[in-house]
Amino acid sequence: MARSQIVILEALLKLRQVCCDLRLAGQAPTEGSASGKLDSLMDMLERLLSEGRRVLLFSQFTSMLALIERELQARQVRYALLTGATRDRSAPVKAFQQGELPVFLISLKAGGVGLNLTAADTVIHYDPWWNPAAEQQATDRAYRIGQNKPVFVYKLITRGTVEEKIAQLQREKAALAAGVLEGGQAGEWRWQAEDIEALFGV
């Protein structure tokens, strides 16, 4: 079981990428959309922005943020972007905080700490990390000192997929689920046969 850990993690990564968008896994559909989740997100953003919402949108995958960028550009929606490759972190933060841009795309790792984004009233986790602590740290960017309005938090989960199964596993075995998706080191958590069956079973 221990020798299979890397293979299992790689398989889980691919399955999670497929939940986000087929193109993340190197697949291009011959017809139709590459992502029902992305389509749903765009519908959701259209509704939220029409209500005047200010949105923080988190994803673990910077390649997914690039696909979301493309969709926002096609719809002429202005946005800020913050990833690990962003050199000047203050510029997008200032633009969002001052109300110049309604949407802020943030990679989960880059946005986990050190940001004060109280202009936001909506947080969307496109591909939840399933580690409650890491996810909460990202959500807390909107809950800093100076926040004076309710903040709505949404998690987009693809029904009937490994995302649902990991969510269930997290509720049952929080420590294992955190280790699975953060690449826990050997000894931090142990695979059980029933865990693998729960994740990969039909």
N, C-alpha and C. Protein backbone atom coordinates (compact mmCIF):
# COMPACT_ATOMS: atom_id res chain seq x y z
N MET A 1 0.82 -1.20 0.00
CA MET A 1 0.00 0.00 0.00
C MET A 1 0.86 1.26 0.00
N ALA A 2 1.94 1.24 0.84
CA ALA A 2 2.81 2.41 0.92
C ALA A 2 3.51 2.66 -0.40
N ARG A 3 3.91 1.61 -1.10
CA ARG A 3 4.62 1.76 -2.38
C ARG A 3 3.69 2.34 -3.45
N SER A 4 2.39 2.19 -3.28
CA SER A 4 1.43 2.66 -4.28
C SER A 4 0.99 4.10 -4.04
N GLN A 5 1.50 4.73 -2.99
CA GLN A 5 1.00 6.05 -2.60
C GLN A 5 1.12 7.08 -3.72
N ILE A 6 2.28 7.13 -4.39
CA ILE A 6 2.48 8.12 -5.45
C ILE A 6 1.51 7.88 -6.60
N VAL A 7 1.33 6.61 -6.97
CA VAL A 7 0.41 6.28 -8.06
C VAL A 7 -1.01 6.69 -7.71
N ILE A 8 -1.40 6.44 -6.47
CA ILE A 8 -2.75 6.80 -6.02
C ILE A 8 -2.93 8.31 -6.06
N LEU A 9 -1.94 9.06 -5.57
CA LEU A 9 -2.03 10.52 -5.58
C LEU A 9 -2.13 11.07 -7.00
N GLU A 10 -1.36 10.50 -7.92
CA GLU A 10 -1.42 10.94 -9.32
C GLU A 10 -2.78 10.65 -9.93
N ALA A 11 -3.34 9.48 -9.61
CA ALA A 11 -4.67 9.15 -10.12
C ALA A 11 -5.72 10.10 -9.57
N LEU A 12 -5.62 10.41 -8.29
CA LEU A 12 -6.57 11.36 -7.69
C LEU A 12 -6.45 12.74 -8.32
N LEU A 13 -5.22 13.17 -8.59
CA LEU A 13 -5.01 14.47 -9.22
C LEU A 13 -5.69 14.52 -10.58
N LYS A 14 -5.51 13.47 -11.38
CA LYS A 14 -6.14 13.43 -12.70
C LYS A 14 -7.66 13.48 -12.60
N LEU A 15 -8.20 12.71 -11.66
CA LEU A 15 -9.65 12.69 -11.49
C LEU A 15 -10.17 14.06 -11.07
N ARG A 16 -9.44 14.74 -10.20
CA ARG A 16 -9.86 16.08 -9.76
C ARG A 16 -9.75 17.08 -10.91
N GLN A 17 -8.73 16.94 -11.75
CA GLN A 17 -8.60 17.82 -12.90
C GLN A 17 -9.76 17.63 -13.87
N VAL A 18 -10.16 16.38 -14.08
CA VAL A 18 -11.28 16.10 -14.97
C VAL A 18 -12.56 16.76 -14.44
N CYS A 19 -12.71 16.78 -13.11
CA CYS A 19 -13.88 17.44 -12.52
C CYS A 19 -13.89 18.93 -12.83
N CYS A 20 -12.70 19.52 -12.91
CA CYS A 20 -12.59 20.95 -13.18
C CYS A 20 -12.81 21.28 -14.65
N ASP A 21 -12.08 20.58 -15.51
CA ASP A 21 -12.15 20.84 -16.95
C ASP A 21 -11.34 19.75 -17.65
N LEU A 22 -11.91 19.15 -18.67
CA LEU A 22 -11.24 18.06 -19.38
C LEU A 22 -9.88 18.49 -19.94
N ARG A 23 -9.76 19.77 -20.25
CA ARG A 23 -8.51 20.25 -20.84
C ARG A 23 -7.34 20.20 -19.87
N LEU A 24 -7.62 20.22 -18.57
CA LEU A 24 -6.54 20.10 -17.59
C LEU A 24 -5.90 18.73 -17.64
N ALA A 25 -6.67 17.74 -18.07
CA ALA A 25 -6.16 16.38 -18.16
C ALA A 25 -5.73 16.03 -19.58
N GLY A 26 -5.58 17.06 -20.43
CA GLY A 26 -5.09 16.85 -21.79
C GLY A 26 -6.13 16.33 -22.75
N GLN A 27 -7.41 16.50 -22.40
CA GLN A 27 -8.48 16.03 -23.26
C GLN A 27 -9.21 17.21 -23.87
N ALA A 28 -9.49 17.13 -25.16
CA ALA A 28 -10.25 18.17 -25.85
C ALA A 28 -11.51 17.53 -26.43
N PRO A 29 -12.68 17.90 -25.95
CA PRO A 29 -13.92 17.28 -26.46
C PRO A 29 -14.13 17.59 -27.94
N THR A 30 -14.65 16.61 -28.65
CA THR A 30 -14.91 16.81 -30.09
C THR A 30 -16.12 17.69 -30.31
N GLU A 31 -17.02 17.70 -29.35
CA GLU A 31 -18.18 18.59 -29.43
C GLU A 31 -18.65 18.92 -28.03
N GLY A 32 -19.35 20.03 -27.91
CA GLY A 32 -19.84 20.44 -26.60
C GLY A 32 -18.76 21.07 -25.74
N SER A 33 -19.10 21.29 -24.49
CA SER A 33 -18.21 21.98 -23.56
C SER A 33 -17.18 21.03 -22.97
N ALA A 34 -16.04 21.61 -22.59
CA ALA A 34 -15.00 20.83 -21.92
C ALA A 34 -15.25 20.77 -20.42
N SER A 35 -16.22 21.55 -19.93
CA SER A 35 -16.43 21.61 -18.49
C SER A 35 -17.82 22.11 -18.14
N GLY A 36 -18.64 21.20 -17.62
CA GLY A 36 -19.93 21.62 -17.10
C GLY A 36 -19.78 22.53 -15.90
N LYS A 37 -18.73 22.29 -15.12
CA LYS A 37 -18.49 23.13 -13.95
C LYS A 37 -18.14 24.55 -14.35
N LEU A 38 -17.32 24.70 -15.38
CA LEU A 38 -16.96 26.04 -15.85
C LEU A 38 -18.19 26.76 -16.40
N ASP A 39 -19.02 26.04 -17.13
CA ASP A 39 -20.27 26.64 -17.64
C ASP A 39 -21.14 27.12 -16.49
N SER A 40 -21.25 26.29 -15.45
CA SER A 40 -22.06 26.66 -14.28
C SER A 40 -21.48 27.87 -13.58
N LEU A 41 -20.14 27.92 -13.50
CA LEU A 41 -19.49 29.06 -12.87
C LEU A 41 -19.81 30.35 -13.61
N MET A 42 -19.75 30.31 -14.94
CA MET A 42 -20.02 31.53 -15.71
C MET A 42 -21.46 31.99 -15.52
N ASP A 43 -22.40 31.06 -15.47
CA ASP A 43 -23.79 31.42 -15.21
C ASP A 43 -23.92 32.04 -13.82
N MET A 44 -23.23 31.44 -12.88
CA MET A 44 -23.27 31.92 -11.50
C MET A 44 -22.68 33.34 -11.39
N LEU A 45 -21.54 33.55 -12.04
CA LEU A 45 -20.91 34.87 -12.00
C LEU A 45 -21.79 35.93 -12.66
N GLU A 46 -22.43 35.57 -13.75
CA GLU A 46 -23.32 36.53 -14.42
C GLU A 46 -24.41 37.00 -13.46
N ARG A 47 -24.96 36.05 -12.72
CA ARG A 47 -26.03 36.40 -11.77
C ARG A 47 -25.46 37.23 -10.62
N LEU A 48 -24.34 36.81 -10.06
CA LEU A 48 -23.75 37.52 -8.93
C LEU A 48 -23.34 38.94 -9.30
N LEU A 49 -22.72 39.09 -10.47
CA LEU A 49 -22.26 40.42 -10.88
C LEU A 49 -23.44 41.34 -11.20
N SER A 50 -24.52 40.76 -11.70
CA SER A 50 -25.71 41.58 -11.96
C SER A 50 -26.31 42.11 -10.67
N GLU A 51 -26.01 41.43 -9.55
CA GLU A 51 -26.47 41.88 -8.23
C GLU A 51 -25.47 42.82 -7.57
N GLY A 52 -24.37 43.11 -8.28
CA GLY A 52 -23.35 44.01 -7.74
C GLY A 52 -22.40 43.35 -6.76
N ARG A 53 -22.28 42.04 -6.82
CA ARG A 53 -21.40 41.32 -5.91
C ARG A 53 -19.93 41.54 -6.26
N ARG A 54 -19.08 41.40 -5.23
CA ARG A 54 -17.62 41.47 -5.39
C ARG A 54 -17.08 40.10 -5.03
N VAL A 55 -16.43 39.43 -5.98
CA VAL A 55 -16.17 37.99 -5.88
C VAL A 55 -14.69 37.66 -5.79
N LEU A 56 -14.32 36.82 -4.78
CA LEU A 56 -13.02 36.17 -4.74
C LEU A 56 -13.21 34.75 -5.26
N LEU A 57 -12.42 34.37 -6.25
CA LEU A 57 -12.55 33.04 -6.86
C LEU A 57 -11.22 32.29 -6.71
N PHE A 58 -11.23 31.21 -5.93
CA PHE A 58 -10.01 30.45 -5.65
C PHE A 58 -9.99 29.15 -6.45
N SER A 59 -8.78 28.79 -6.93
CA SER A 59 -8.55 27.48 -7.53
C SER A 59 -7.16 27.03 -7.15
N GLN A 60 -7.01 25.72 -6.97
CA GLN A 60 -5.67 25.17 -6.71
C GLN A 60 -4.83 25.19 -7.97
N PHE A 61 -5.49 25.11 -9.14
CA PHE A 61 -4.79 24.94 -10.41
C PHE A 61 -4.67 26.28 -11.14
N THR A 62 -3.44 26.76 -11.33
CA THR A 62 -3.27 28.00 -12.08
C THR A 62 -3.69 27.82 -13.54
N SER A 63 -3.57 26.59 -14.06
CA SER A 63 -4.02 26.33 -15.42
C SER A 63 -5.55 26.47 -15.52
N MET A 64 -6.26 26.19 -14.44
CA MET A 64 -7.71 26.38 -14.43
C MET A 64 -8.03 27.86 -14.39
N LEU A 65 -7.27 28.62 -13.62
CA LEU A 65 -7.48 30.07 -13.59
C LEU A 65 -7.28 30.67 -14.98
N ALA A 66 -6.33 30.13 -15.75
CA ALA A 66 -6.10 30.62 -17.11
C ALA A 66 -7.32 30.37 -17.99
N LEU A 67 -7.97 29.22 -17.82
CA LEU A 67 -9.18 28.92 -18.59
C LEU A 67 -10.34 29.82 -18.17
N ILE A 68 -10.42 30.10 -16.88
CA ILE A 68 -11.46 31.01 -16.39
C ILE A 68 -11.21 32.42 -16.92
N GLU A 69 -9.93 32.82 -16.94
CA GLU A 69 -9.57 34.12 -17.51
C GLU A 69 -10.10 34.26 -18.93
N ARG A 70 -9.88 33.23 -19.72
CA ARG A 70 -10.29 33.25 -21.12
C ARG A 70 -11.80 33.46 -21.24
N GLU A 71 -12.56 32.80 -20.37
CA GLU A 71 -14.01 32.95 -20.41
C GLU A 71 -14.44 34.35 -19.97
N LEU A 72 -13.78 34.89 -18.97
CA LEU A 72 -14.11 36.24 -18.52
C LEU A 72 -13.79 37.27 -19.59
N GLN A 73 -12.67 37.08 -20.27
CA GLN A 73 -12.30 38.00 -21.35
C GLN A 73 -13.33 37.96 -22.47
N ALA A 74 -13.80 36.76 -22.81
CA ALA A 74 -14.80 36.61 -23.88
C ALA A 74 -16.10 37.32 -23.51
N ARG A 75 -16.37 37.42 -22.22
CA ARG A 75 -17.60 38.07 -21.74
C ARG A 75 -17.35 39.51 -21.34
N GLN A 76 -16.14 39.98 -21.53
CA GLN A 76 -15.74 41.35 -21.20
C GLN A 76 -15.96 41.67 -19.72
N VAL A 77 -15.65 40.69 -18.89
CA VAL A 77 -15.71 40.90 -17.44
C VAL A 77 -14.30 41.24 -16.95
N ARG A 78 -14.17 42.35 -16.28
CA ARG A 78 -12.87 42.78 -15.78
C ARG A 78 -12.54 42.05 -14.49
N TYR A 79 -11.26 41.73 -14.30
CA TYR A 79 -10.85 40.92 -13.16
C TYR A 79 -9.41 41.22 -12.77
N ALA A 80 -9.07 40.84 -11.54
CA ALA A 80 -7.68 40.86 -11.07
C ALA A 80 -7.22 39.42 -10.97
N LEU A 81 -5.90 39.22 -10.97
CA LEU A 81 -5.33 37.88 -10.91
C LEU A 81 -4.13 37.87 -9.96
N LEU A 82 -4.10 36.85 -9.09
CA LEU A 82 -2.96 36.69 -8.19
C LEU A 82 -2.58 35.21 -8.13
N THR A 83 -1.36 34.91 -8.57
CA THR A 83 -0.82 33.55 -8.47
C THR A 83 0.59 33.65 -7.90
N GLY A 84 1.24 32.51 -7.78
CA GLY A 84 2.61 32.52 -7.29
C GLY A 84 3.55 33.24 -8.23
N ALA A 85 3.16 33.41 -9.50
CA ALA A 85 4.00 34.08 -10.48
C ALA A 85 3.80 35.60 -10.49
N THR A 86 2.83 36.10 -9.72
CA THR A 86 2.56 37.54 -9.68
C THR A 86 3.67 38.25 -8.92
N ARG A 87 4.34 39.19 -9.57
CA ARG A 87 5.46 39.89 -8.94
C ARG A 87 4.99 41.02 -8.04
N ASP A 88 4.04 41.80 -8.52
CA ASP A 88 3.53 42.93 -7.73
C ASP A 88 2.17 42.55 -7.17
N ARG A 89 2.17 42.02 -5.95
CA ARG A 89 0.92 41.58 -5.33
C ARG A 89 0.02 42.76 -4.95
N SER A 90 0.62 43.90 -4.68
CA SER A 90 -0.17 45.02 -4.18
C SER A 90 -1.08 45.62 -5.25
N ALA A 91 -0.67 45.58 -6.52
CA ALA A 91 -1.45 46.23 -7.58
C ALA A 91 -2.83 45.58 -7.76
N PRO A 92 -2.94 44.25 -7.95
CA PRO A 92 -4.27 43.66 -8.09
C PRO A 92 -5.11 43.79 -6.82
N VAL A 93 -4.46 43.72 -5.65
CA VAL A 93 -5.20 43.87 -4.40
C VAL A 93 -5.80 45.26 -4.31
N LYS A 94 -5.00 46.27 -4.64
CA LYS A 94 -5.47 47.66 -4.58
C LYS A 94 -6.62 47.89 -5.56
N ALA A 95 -6.49 47.34 -6.78
CA ALA A 95 -7.53 47.53 -7.79
C ALA A 95 -8.85 46.90 -7.34
N PHE A 96 -8.77 45.72 -6.72
CA PHE A 96 -9.99 45.06 -6.25
C PHE A 96 -10.57 45.81 -5.06
N GLN A 97 -9.73 46.17 -4.11
CA GLN A 97 -10.21 46.83 -2.89
C GLN A 97 -10.84 48.18 -3.18
N GLN A 98 -10.35 48.86 -4.21
CA GLN A 98 -10.89 50.18 -4.55
C GLN A 98 -12.11 50.11 -5.46
N GLY A 99 -12.55 48.89 -5.77
CA GLY A 99 -13.77 48.74 -6.56
C GLY A 99 -13.59 48.84 -8.05
N GLU A 100 -12.35 48.81 -8.52
CA GLU A 100 -12.11 48.94 -9.96
C GLU A 100 -12.45 47.66 -10.71
N LEU A 101 -12.35 46.50 -10.02
CA LEU A 101 -12.55 45.19 -10.66
C LEU A 101 -13.49 44.36 -9.78
N PRO A 102 -14.50 43.70 -10.40
CA PRO A 102 -15.49 42.98 -9.60
C PRO A 102 -15.10 41.55 -9.23
N VAL A 103 -14.10 40.99 -9.93
CA VAL A 103 -13.72 39.59 -9.72
C VAL A 103 -12.22 39.52 -9.46
N PHE A 104 -11.84 38.69 -8.48
CA PHE A 104 -10.43 38.51 -8.17
C PHE A 104 -10.14 37.01 -8.24
N LEU A 105 -9.34 36.60 -9.24
CA LEU A 105 -8.94 35.21 -9.38
C LEU A 105 -7.66 34.99 -8.58
N ILE A 106 -7.66 33.97 -7.72
CA ILE A 106 -6.53 33.76 -6.82
C ILE A 106 -6.20 32.28 -6.74
N SER A 107 -4.93 31.95 -6.90
CA SER A 107 -4.52 30.57 -6.67
C SER A 107 -4.52 30.34 -5.16
N LEU A 108 -4.94 29.15 -4.77
CA LEU A 108 -5.15 28.90 -3.34
C LEU A 108 -3.88 29.10 -2.53
N LYS A 109 -2.73 28.67 -3.07
CA LYS A 109 -1.48 28.83 -2.32
C LYS A 109 -1.07 30.29 -2.22
N ALA A 110 -1.22 31.03 -3.31
CA ALA A 110 -0.80 32.44 -3.30
C ALA A 110 -1.71 33.28 -2.41
N GLY A 111 -2.97 32.88 -2.29
CA GLY A 111 -3.91 33.70 -1.54
C GLY A 111 -4.20 33.23 -0.15
N GLY A 112 -3.45 32.24 0.31
CA GLY A 112 -3.75 31.67 1.61
C GLY A 112 -3.43 32.57 2.79
N VAL A 113 -2.43 33.43 2.65
CA VAL A 113 -2.01 34.27 3.77
C VAL A 113 -1.66 35.67 3.28
N GLY A 114 -1.70 36.61 4.20
CA GLY A 114 -1.17 37.95 3.95
C GLY A 114 -2.01 38.86 3.08
N LEU A 115 -3.28 38.54 2.88
CA LEU A 115 -4.14 39.38 2.07
C LEU A 115 -5.31 39.89 2.89
N ASN A 116 -5.67 41.15 2.65
CA ASN A 116 -6.83 41.74 3.29
C ASN A 116 -7.76 42.20 2.18
N LEU A 117 -8.83 41.44 1.96
CA LEU A 117 -9.72 41.69 0.82
C LEU A 117 -11.16 41.89 1.29
N THR A 118 -11.33 42.89 2.14
CA THR A 118 -12.63 43.13 2.75
C THR A 118 -13.65 43.73 1.78
N ALA A 119 -13.23 44.09 0.57
CA ALA A 119 -14.18 44.57 -0.43
C ALA A 119 -15.06 43.45 -0.95
N ALA A 120 -14.62 42.21 -0.73
CA ALA A 120 -15.38 41.05 -1.23
C ALA A 120 -16.58 40.77 -0.35
N ASP A 121 -17.67 40.34 -0.99
CA ASP A 121 -18.82 39.85 -0.24
C ASP A 121 -19.19 38.42 -0.66
N THR A 122 -18.39 37.85 -1.58
CA THR A 122 -18.64 36.49 -2.06
C THR A 122 -17.31 35.78 -2.27
N VAL A 123 -17.22 34.53 -1.80
CA VAL A 123 -16.05 33.69 -2.01
C VAL A 123 -16.50 32.41 -2.71
N ILE A 124 -15.80 32.06 -3.80
CA ILE A 124 -16.10 30.82 -4.52
C ILE A 124 -14.85 29.96 -4.54
N HIS A 125 -14.98 28.72 -4.09
CA HIS A 125 -13.90 27.73 -4.22
C HIS A 125 -14.25 26.85 -5.42
N TYR A 126 -13.53 27.06 -6.52
CA TYR A 126 -13.84 26.33 -7.76
C TYR A 126 -13.53 24.84 -7.61
N ASP A 127 -12.39 24.55 -7.02
CA ASP A 127 -12.01 23.15 -6.79
C ASP A 127 -11.53 23.04 -5.34
N PRO A 128 -12.45 22.84 -4.42
CA PRO A 128 -12.10 22.84 -3.00
C PRO A 128 -10.93 21.91 -2.68
N TRP A 129 -10.08 22.39 -1.79
CA TRP A 129 -8.88 21.65 -1.46
C TRP A 129 -9.17 20.55 -0.46
N TRP A 130 -10.30 20.63 0.19
CA TRP A 130 -10.77 19.62 1.14
C TRP A 130 -9.99 19.59 2.45
N ASN A 131 -8.94 20.36 2.57
CA ASN A 131 -8.33 20.54 3.87
C ASN A 131 -9.03 21.74 4.50
N PRO A 132 -9.83 21.52 5.51
CA PRO A 132 -10.62 22.63 6.06
C PRO A 132 -9.77 23.82 6.48
N ALA A 133 -8.59 23.57 7.04
CA ALA A 133 -7.75 24.66 7.52
C ALA A 133 -7.25 25.52 6.36
N ALA A 134 -6.74 24.89 5.29
CA ALA A 134 -6.22 25.64 4.14
C ALA A 134 -7.34 26.39 3.44
N GLU A 135 -8.48 25.74 3.30
CA GLU A 135 -9.62 26.38 2.65
C GLU A 135 -10.12 27.55 3.48
N GLN A 136 -10.17 27.38 4.79
CA GLN A 136 -10.63 28.45 5.67
C GLN A 136 -9.68 29.63 5.64
N GLN A 137 -8.38 29.36 5.56
CA GLN A 137 -7.41 30.45 5.46
C GLN A 137 -7.69 31.31 4.24
N ALA A 138 -8.01 30.67 3.11
CA ALA A 138 -8.32 31.42 1.90
C ALA A 138 -9.61 32.22 2.07
N THR A 139 -10.63 31.57 2.61
CA THR A 139 -11.91 32.26 2.83
C THR A 139 -11.73 33.46 3.75
N ASP A 140 -10.84 33.32 4.72
CA ASP A 140 -10.64 34.38 5.71
C ASP A 140 -10.07 35.66 5.12
N ARG A 141 -9.62 35.62 3.86
CA ARG A 141 -9.12 36.86 3.23
C ARG A 141 -10.22 37.91 3.21
N ALA A 142 -11.48 37.46 3.16
CA ALA A 142 -12.61 38.40 3.12
C ALA A 142 -13.12 38.74 4.51
N TYR A 143 -12.62 38.05 5.52
CA TYR A 143 -13.12 38.23 6.88
C TYR A 143 -12.12 38.96 7.76
N ARG A 144 -11.38 39.89 7.20
CA ARG A 144 -10.37 40.61 7.97
C ARG A 144 -11.00 41.76 8.74
N ILE A 145 -10.19 42.39 9.58
CA ILE A 145 -10.65 43.57 10.31
C ILE A 145 -11.08 44.64 9.29
N GLY A 146 -12.25 45.20 9.49
CA GLY A 146 -12.78 46.20 8.57
C GLY A 146 -13.93 45.65 7.74
N GLN A 147 -14.16 44.35 7.78
CA GLN A 147 -15.28 43.77 7.05
C GLN A 147 -16.58 44.13 7.78
N ASN A 148 -17.52 44.73 7.07
CA ASN A 148 -18.76 45.19 7.72
C ASN A 148 -20.00 44.68 7.02
N LYS A 149 -19.85 43.60 6.22
CA LYS A 149 -21.01 43.05 5.51
C LYS A 149 -20.94 41.53 5.51
N PRO A 150 -22.08 40.87 5.31
CA PRO A 150 -22.06 39.40 5.24
C PRO A 150 -21.24 38.93 4.05
N VAL A 151 -20.58 37.78 4.21
CA VAL A 151 -19.80 37.17 3.12
C VAL A 151 -20.38 35.79 2.84
N PHE A 152 -20.75 35.55 1.57
CA PHE A 152 -21.30 34.27 1.15
C PHE A 152 -20.19 33.41 0.57
N VAL A 153 -20.14 32.14 0.97
CA VAL A 153 -19.08 31.23 0.53
C VAL A 153 -19.71 30.05 -0.22
N TYR A 154 -19.21 29.80 -1.43
CA TYR A 154 -19.70 28.71 -2.26
C TYR A 154 -18.56 27.74 -2.57
N LYS A 155 -18.88 26.44 -2.57
CA LYS A 155 -17.93 25.41 -3.00
C LYS A 155 -18.56 24.68 -4.17
N LEU A 156 -17.86 24.64 -5.29
CA LEU A 156 -18.38 23.97 -6.48
C LEU A 156 -17.91 22.52 -6.47
N ILE A 157 -18.85 21.60 -6.38
CA ILE A 157 -18.54 20.17 -6.30
C ILE A 157 -19.27 19.45 -7.42
N THR A 158 -18.54 18.69 -8.21
CA THR A 158 -19.13 17.95 -9.32
C THR A 158 -19.82 16.70 -8.78
N ARG A 159 -21.11 16.62 -9.03
CA ARG A 159 -21.91 15.54 -8.48
C ARG A 159 -21.50 14.18 -9.05
N GLY A 160 -21.49 13.18 -8.17
CA GLY A 160 -21.23 11.82 -8.60
C GLY A 160 -19.79 11.54 -9.00
N THR A 161 -18.85 12.33 -8.47
CA THR A 161 -17.44 12.18 -8.84
C THR A 161 -16.58 12.00 -7.59
N VAL A 162 -15.28 11.90 -7.82
CA VAL A 162 -14.33 11.76 -6.72
C VAL A 162 -14.39 12.96 -5.78
N GLU A 163 -14.82 14.12 -6.28
CA GLU A 163 -14.94 15.30 -5.40
C GLU A 163 -15.94 15.03 -4.28
N GLU A 164 -17.07 14.46 -4.62
CA GLU A 164 -18.07 14.12 -3.60
C GLU A 164 -17.52 13.07 -2.63
N LYS A 165 -16.80 12.12 -3.18
CA LYS A 165 -16.28 11.03 -2.35
C LYS A 165 -15.23 11.54 -1.37
N ILE A 166 -14.39 12.46 -1.84
CA ILE A 166 -13.37 13.01 -0.95
C ILE A 166 -14.03 13.88 0.12
N ALA A 167 -15.09 14.59 -0.24
CA ALA A 167 -15.81 15.39 0.75
C ALA A 167 -16.38 14.49 1.84
N GLN A 168 -16.93 13.36 1.45
CA GLN A 168 -17.47 12.42 2.42
C GLN A 168 -16.34 11.83 3.28
N LEU A 169 -15.25 11.50 2.61
CA LEU A 169 -14.10 10.94 3.33
C LEU A 169 -13.55 11.95 4.32
N GLN A 170 -13.56 13.23 3.92
CA GLN A 170 -13.06 14.27 4.81
C GLN A 170 -13.90 14.34 6.08
N ARG A 171 -15.18 14.24 5.90
CA ARG A 171 -16.05 14.28 7.08
C ARG A 171 -15.78 13.10 8.00
N GLU A 172 -15.49 11.96 7.38
CA GLU A 172 -15.28 10.75 8.19
C GLU A 172 -13.86 10.65 8.73
N LYS A 173 -12.90 11.07 7.92
CA LYS A 173 -11.50 10.93 8.32
C LYS A 173 -10.74 12.19 7.89
N ALA A 174 -10.93 13.24 8.64
CA ALA A 174 -10.40 14.54 8.25
C ALA A 174 -8.90 14.53 8.05
N ALA A 175 -8.17 13.86 8.90
CA ALA A 175 -6.71 13.85 8.79
C ALA A 175 -6.27 13.15 7.52
N LEU A 176 -6.92 12.06 7.15
CA LEU A 176 -6.56 11.34 5.94
C LEU A 176 -6.84 12.19 4.71
N ALA A 177 -8.00 12.83 4.67
CA ALA A 177 -8.35 13.63 3.50
C ALA A 177 -7.37 14.77 3.29
N ALA A 178 -6.95 15.42 4.38
CA ALA A 178 -5.97 16.50 4.26
C ALA A 178 -4.67 15.97 3.71
N GLY A 179 -4.24 14.81 4.18
CA GLY A 179 -2.99 14.23 3.69
C GLY A 179 -3.07 13.84 2.25
N VAL A 180 -4.20 13.31 1.81
CA VAL A 180 -4.37 12.89 0.42
C VAL A 180 -4.13 14.05 -0.52
N LEU A 181 -4.74 15.20 -0.26
CA LEU A 181 -4.71 16.29 -1.22
C LEU A 181 -3.56 17.26 -1.01
N GLU A 182 -2.83 17.10 0.08
CA GLU A 182 -1.66 17.96 0.27
C GLU A 182 -0.38 17.17 0.15
N GLY A 183 -0.49 15.92 -0.35
CA GLY A 183 0.70 15.11 -0.56
C GLY A 183 1.42 14.80 0.71
N GLY A 184 0.67 14.38 1.72
CA GLY A 184 1.25 14.10 3.03
C GLY A 184 2.42 13.14 2.95
N GLN A 185 3.40 13.33 3.80
CA GLN A 185 4.58 12.49 3.81
C GLN A 185 4.25 11.13 4.42
N ALA A 186 5.03 10.15 4.06
CA ALA A 186 4.84 8.82 4.61
C ALA A 186 4.89 8.90 6.13
N GLY A 187 3.96 8.22 6.76
CA GLY A 187 3.91 8.23 8.21
C GLY A 187 2.89 9.20 8.76
N GLU A 188 2.51 10.22 7.98
CA GLU A 188 1.51 11.17 8.44
C GLU A 188 0.11 10.57 8.34
N TRP A 189 -0.09 9.73 7.38
CA TRP A 189 -1.38 9.06 7.24
C TRP A 189 -1.15 7.74 6.54
N ARG A 190 -2.08 6.83 6.72
CA ARG A 190 -1.93 5.51 6.13
C ARG A 190 -3.17 5.16 5.32
N TRP A 191 -2.93 4.58 4.16
CA TRP A 191 -4.04 4.11 3.34
C TRP A 191 -4.65 2.86 3.96
N GLN A 192 -5.95 2.82 3.91
CA GLN A 192 -6.67 1.60 4.25
C GLN A 192 -7.39 1.14 2.98
N ALA A 193 -7.55 -0.16 2.86
CA ALA A 193 -8.19 -0.69 1.65
C ALA A 193 -9.57 -0.09 1.44
N GLU A 194 -10.31 0.11 2.53
CA GLU A 194 -11.67 0.65 2.39
C GLU A 194 -11.66 2.11 1.92
N ASP A 195 -10.58 2.87 2.26
CA ASP A 195 -10.47 4.24 1.80
C ASP A 195 -10.29 4.29 0.28
N ILE A 196 -9.42 3.44 -0.24
CA ILE A 196 -9.19 3.40 -1.68
C ILE A 196 -10.45 2.95 -2.41
N GLU A 197 -11.11 1.96 -1.85
CA GLU A 197 -12.35 1.48 -2.47
C GLU A 197 -13.40 2.59 -2.49
N ALA A 198 -13.47 3.37 -1.42
CA ALA A 198 -14.44 4.46 -1.36
C ALA A 198 -14.14 5.54 -2.39
N LEU A 199 -12.86 5.83 -2.63
CA LEU A 199 -12.47 6.89 -3.56
C LEU A 199 -12.60 6.47 -5.02
N PHE A 200 -12.21 5.24 -5.32
CA PHE A 200 -12.14 4.80 -6.71
C PHE A 200 -13.27 3.86 -7.12
N GLY A 201 -14.09 3.45 -6.16
CA GLY A 201 -15.17 2.54 -6.48
C GLY A 201 -16.28 3.24 -7.25
N VAL A 202 -17.08 2.46 -7.93
CA VAL A 202 -18.19 3.01 -8.71
C VAL A 202 -19.36 3.31 -7.79
